[in-house]
Protein backbone atom coordinates (compact mmCIF):
# COMPACT_ATOMS: atom_id res chain seq x y z
CA UNK A 1 45.44 8.18 -58.32
CA UNK A 2 46.93 5.42 -56.15
CA UNK A 3 46.56 5.44 -52.37
CA UNK A 4 48.65 3.43 -49.92
CA UNK A 5 46.32 1.22 -47.89
CA UNK A 6 46.73 -1.48 -45.23
CA UNK A 7 45.61 -4.81 -46.67
CA UNK A 8 44.02 -7.92 -45.19
CA UNK A 9 44.21 -10.90 -47.59
CA UNK A 10 41.48 -13.41 -46.74
CA UNK A 11 40.05 -16.68 -47.95
CA UNK A 12 36.87 -14.89 -49.01
CA UNK A 13 35.72 -12.08 -51.28
CA UNK A 14 34.13 -8.98 -49.76
CA UNK A 15 31.45 -7.18 -51.78
CA UNK A 16 30.55 -3.49 -51.47
CA UNK A 17 27.76 -3.21 -48.90
CA UNK A 18 28.57 -6.56 -47.29
CA UNK A 19 29.09 -6.96 -43.54
CA UNK A 20 32.31 -8.73 -42.56
CA UNK A 21 33.02 -9.90 -38.98
CA UNK A 22 36.66 -10.75 -38.30
CA UNK A 23 38.67 -12.30 -35.48
CA UNK A 24 42.11 -10.72 -35.49
CA UNK A 25 44.89 -12.48 -33.60
CA UNK A 26 48.02 -12.50 -35.75
CA UNK A 27 50.49 -9.83 -34.53
CA UNK A 28 50.86 -8.12 -37.92
CA UNK A 29 47.09 -7.70 -38.26
CA UNK A 30 46.72 -6.55 -34.67
CA UNK A 31 49.28 -3.87 -35.59
CA UNK A 32 47.24 -3.03 -38.67
CA UNK A 33 44.06 -2.61 -36.62
CA UNK A 34 45.92 -0.42 -34.11
CA UNK A 35 47.07 1.77 -37.02
CA UNK A 36 43.53 2.01 -38.40
CA UNK A 37 41.99 2.86 -35.02
CA UNK A 38 44.60 5.49 -34.18
CA UNK A 39 42.76 8.21 -36.14
CA UNK A 40 39.11 8.49 -37.22
CA UNK A 41 40.08 9.01 -40.87
CA UNK A 42 42.08 5.76 -41.00
CA UNK A 43 39.33 3.22 -40.23
CA UNK A 44 39.79 1.50 -43.59
CA UNK A 45 41.80 -1.33 -45.07
CA UNK A 46 41.65 -3.37 -48.26
CA UNK A 47 40.39 -6.94 -48.50
CA UNK A 48 41.55 -9.22 -51.33
CA UNK A 49 41.12 -12.93 -51.91
CA UNK A 50 44.05 -15.26 -51.30
CA UNK A 51 44.44 -17.17 -54.55
CA UNK A 52 46.89 -19.66 -53.06
CA UNK A 53 48.33 -20.17 -49.59
CA UNK A 54 46.98 -19.36 -46.14
CA UNK A 55 45.85 -16.34 -44.16
CA UNK A 56 48.18 -17.06 -41.25
CA UNK A 57 51.94 -16.72 -41.55
CA UNK A 58 52.29 -15.00 -44.91
CA UNK A 59 53.67 -16.44 -48.13
CA UNK A 60 50.25 -16.25 -49.78
CA UNK A 61 49.43 -15.41 -53.40
CA UNK A 62 46.91 -12.57 -53.61
CA UNK A 63 44.43 -11.43 -56.23
CA UNK A 64 44.58 -7.92 -57.68
CA UNK A 65 40.95 -6.87 -57.19
CA UNK A 66 39.38 -6.22 -53.81
CA UNK A 67 37.17 -4.00 -51.70
CA UNK A 68 37.80 -1.35 -49.08
CA UNK A 69 36.50 -2.42 -45.66
CA UNK A 70 35.56 0.22 -43.08
CA UNK A 71 35.81 -0.74 -39.41
CA UNK A 72 32.46 -0.22 -37.67
CA UNK A 73 33.17 -1.86 -34.31
CA UNK A 74 36.04 -3.33 -32.31
CA UNK A 75 36.08 -5.18 -28.99
CA UNK A 76 38.36 -7.59 -27.12
CA UNK A 77 37.85 -11.24 -27.99
CA UNK A 78 39.80 -12.90 -25.20
CA UNK A 79 43.56 -13.19 -24.96
CA UNK A 80 45.24 -11.19 -27.71
CA UNK A 81 42.24 -11.43 -30.02
CA UNK A 82 40.15 -8.57 -31.33
CA UNK A 83 36.66 -8.93 -32.74
CA UNK A 84 36.06 -6.32 -35.39
CA UNK A 85 33.02 -5.56 -37.50
CA UNK A 86 33.48 -4.14 -40.99
CA UNK A 87 31.40 -3.18 -44.00
CA UNK A 88 32.52 -3.25 -47.62
CA UNK A 89 32.72 0.10 -49.40
CA UNK A 90 34.43 0.87 -52.72
CA UNK A 91 35.90 -1.69 -55.09
CA UNK A 92 39.65 -1.35 -55.67
CA UNK A 93 42.41 -2.49 -57.99
CA UNK A 94 45.84 -3.27 -56.57
CA UNK A 95 48.47 -1.27 -58.49
CA UNK A 96 51.45 -2.49 -56.52
CA UNK A 97 52.12 -4.58 -53.43
CA UNK A 98 54.36 -2.81 -50.94
CA UNK A 99 56.63 -4.50 -48.38
CA UNK A 100 54.73 -6.41 -45.67
CA UNK A 101 56.25 -4.29 -42.94
CA UNK A 102 54.81 -4.38 -40.34
CA UNK A 103 51.65 -5.67 -42.11
CA UNK A 104 50.54 -6.13 -45.75
CA UNK A 105 50.19 -2.87 -47.66
CA UNK A 106 49.46 -1.94 -51.26
CA UNK A 107 49.09 1.01 -53.56
CA UNK A 108 45.46 0.80 -54.70
CA UNK A 109 43.09 2.69 -56.99
CA UNK A 110 39.34 2.86 -56.49
CA UNK A 111 37.49 1.10 -59.31
CA UNK A 112 33.95 2.38 -59.80
CA UNK A 113 31.65 0.51 -62.15
CA UNK A 114 32.32 1.08 -65.83
CA UNK A 115 29.21 2.29 -67.69
CA UNK A 116 27.05 -0.51 -69.07
CA UNK A 117 23.34 -1.21 -69.20
CA UNK A 118 21.62 -4.39 -68.13
CA UNK A 119 19.48 -5.37 -71.11
CA UNK A 120 15.90 -6.53 -70.72
CA UNK A 121 16.95 -9.95 -72.04
CA UNK A 122 19.74 -10.29 -69.46
CA UNK A 123 17.44 -9.21 -66.63
CA UNK A 124 14.84 -11.73 -67.80
CA UNK A 125 17.42 -14.54 -67.96
CA UNK A 126 18.63 -13.70 -64.45
CA UNK A 127 15.04 -13.62 -63.16
CA UNK A 128 14.37 -17.05 -64.69
CA UNK A 129 17.55 -18.50 -63.16
CA UNK A 130 16.63 -17.07 -59.76
CA UNK A 131 13.15 -18.58 -59.96
CA UNK A 132 14.57 -21.97 -60.95
CA UNK A 133 17.09 -21.85 -58.12
CA UNK A 134 14.40 -20.76 -55.65
CA UNK A 135 12.16 -23.68 -56.55
CA UNK A 136 14.93 -26.25 -56.31
CA UNK A 137 16.23 -24.76 -53.07
CA UNK A 138 12.74 -24.94 -51.55
CA UNK A 139 12.57 -28.66 -52.37
CA UNK A 140 16.04 -29.32 -50.97
CA UNK A 141 15.33 -27.27 -47.83
CA UNK A 142 12.11 -29.23 -47.23
CA UNK A 143 14.06 -32.50 -47.42
CA UNK A 144 16.64 -31.17 -44.95
CA UNK A 145 14.12 -29.51 -42.65
CA UNK A 146 15.67 -26.07 -43.22
CA UNK A 147 14.01 -22.75 -44.09
CA UNK A 148 13.79 -22.11 -47.82
CA UNK A 149 15.49 -19.20 -49.56
CA UNK A 150 13.39 -16.12 -50.32
CA UNK A 151 13.83 -15.44 -54.04
CA UNK A 152 14.70 -11.76 -54.64
CA UNK A 153 13.12 -9.88 -57.51
CA UNK A 154 15.67 -7.98 -59.62
CA UNK A 155 13.44 -4.92 -60.12
CA UNK A 156 12.71 -4.75 -56.38
CA UNK A 157 16.36 -4.60 -55.32
CA UNK A 158 17.42 -1.09 -54.26
CA UNK A 159 19.95 1.19 -55.94
CA UNK A 160 21.55 1.20 -59.35
CA UNK A 161 22.00 -1.89 -61.51
CA UNK A 162 25.55 -2.16 -60.15
CA UNK A 163 24.27 -2.04 -56.55
CA UNK A 164 21.61 -4.64 -57.37
CA UNK A 165 24.19 -7.02 -58.76
CA UNK A 166 26.29 -6.83 -55.61
CA UNK A 167 23.21 -7.09 -53.35
CA UNK A 168 22.12 -10.24 -55.17
CA UNK A 169 25.60 -11.76 -55.10
CA UNK A 170 25.80 -11.21 -51.34
CA UNK A 171 22.78 -13.46 -50.84
CA UNK A 172 23.71 -16.31 -53.18
CA UNK A 173 25.50 -19.51 -52.10
CA UNK A 174 28.33 -19.20 -54.61
CA UNK A 175 31.99 -20.05 -54.08
CA UNK A 176 34.97 -17.75 -53.73
CA UNK A 177 36.00 -17.97 -57.39
CA UNK A 178 32.51 -17.03 -58.61
CA UNK A 179 32.42 -14.22 -56.04
CA UNK A 180 35.72 -12.96 -57.43
CA UNK A 181 34.30 -13.10 -60.97
CA UNK A 182 31.32 -11.03 -59.80
CA UNK A 183 33.58 -8.48 -58.12
CA UNK A 184 35.88 -8.32 -61.16
CA UNK A 185 33.09 -7.75 -63.69
CA UNK A 186 33.73 -4.31 -65.21
CA UNK A 187 30.16 -3.07 -64.95
CA UNK A 188 26.52 -3.99 -64.24
CA UNK A 189 25.85 -5.74 -67.56
CA UNK A 190 28.87 -8.02 -67.22
CA UNK A 191 28.05 -8.66 -63.55
CA UNK A 192 24.57 -9.93 -64.43
CA UNK A 193 26.05 -12.31 -67.02
CA UNK A 194 28.48 -13.67 -64.42
CA UNK A 195 25.62 -14.13 -61.95
CA UNK A 196 23.63 -16.06 -64.57
CA UNK A 197 26.60 -18.39 -65.12
CA UNK A 198 27.16 -18.85 -61.39
CA UNK A 199 23.48 -19.61 -60.82
CA UNK A 200 23.56 -22.23 -63.59
CA UNK A 201 26.29 -24.07 -61.65
CA UNK A 202 24.34 -23.82 -58.39
CA UNK A 203 21.19 -25.11 -60.09
CA UNK A 204 23.10 -28.06 -61.56
CA UNK A 205 24.48 -28.92 -58.11
CA UNK A 206 21.00 -28.77 -56.57
CA UNK A 207 19.56 -30.99 -59.30
CA UNK A 208 22.28 -33.54 -58.56
CA UNK A 209 21.53 -33.46 -54.83
CA UNK A 210 17.81 -33.84 -55.42
CA UNK A 211 18.41 -36.80 -57.71
CA UNK A 212 20.34 -38.58 -54.94
CA UNK A 213 19.53 -36.83 -51.64
CA UNK A 214 20.90 -39.67 -49.51
CA UNK A 215 24.28 -39.71 -51.25
CA UNK A 216 24.57 -35.93 -51.27
CA UNK A 217 23.76 -35.82 -47.55
CA UNK A 218 26.46 -38.40 -46.81
CA UNK A 219 29.02 -36.48 -48.88
CA UNK A 220 28.15 -33.29 -47.00
C-alpha cells in the first residue's frame, strides 16, 4: 500500500541504519522539516539519490529507490539554517512523484528484503575481498600517515544477512552509484554479490595508487 511521504532528494544514498546529518536552508525543505516536526508521528521523510541535476533549486532527476529517514534531532544552525540529525529506517520504492508543492513529495511503498540466502561460497568470496582490501588499505594508510581500516568479519556483523550487507556497505568507501546498486539489490544474496563487485573496483583503485603513490597523491 502506497503512503504519501515528504521527500528529500540528495547527492548521496542513505542506507537503513545509517546516520545522516543535514544542513537545511532551502525554503521548501525548511517547510518540509516544519511539517515533519509538527506532530510526533510525522518525523519521517524519504531520501533518494539525485541521478542528474542539483539539490538546490529543483529541476533534478531522481532515482526510484530510497530509504525512510527519521529525524532524531533538530537545532538552529545560524541564520535560516537548521541542523538536523536523521537515521535511515526502511527501504522504499517510489510509486509516483507528486507535485513539489510546497516541497517534494511522493507516493512510496516500503520494500523489505526479498527472501534469499547468502551461500557459503558468496560469503567466502566477500571475506576474501574484504581481507584483500584491508591489506591494501593498510599499506596506503601507512604511506599517507592515516589510520588503517579495521576489516570487519562477515560472521561477526550483527543481525540478519540483509542487515549485515547494509552494515558493511555503510563502512566501505564506495561511490554513490555502487551505494545505489547495494540499496537496490532485491535481497541479501544479491547484495553480497554487488558488494563483491564494488570491492573489486576499490581494490583495483588502491593497487593503482600503490603502484604510483606520488601521482595518485597529486591527482587527489
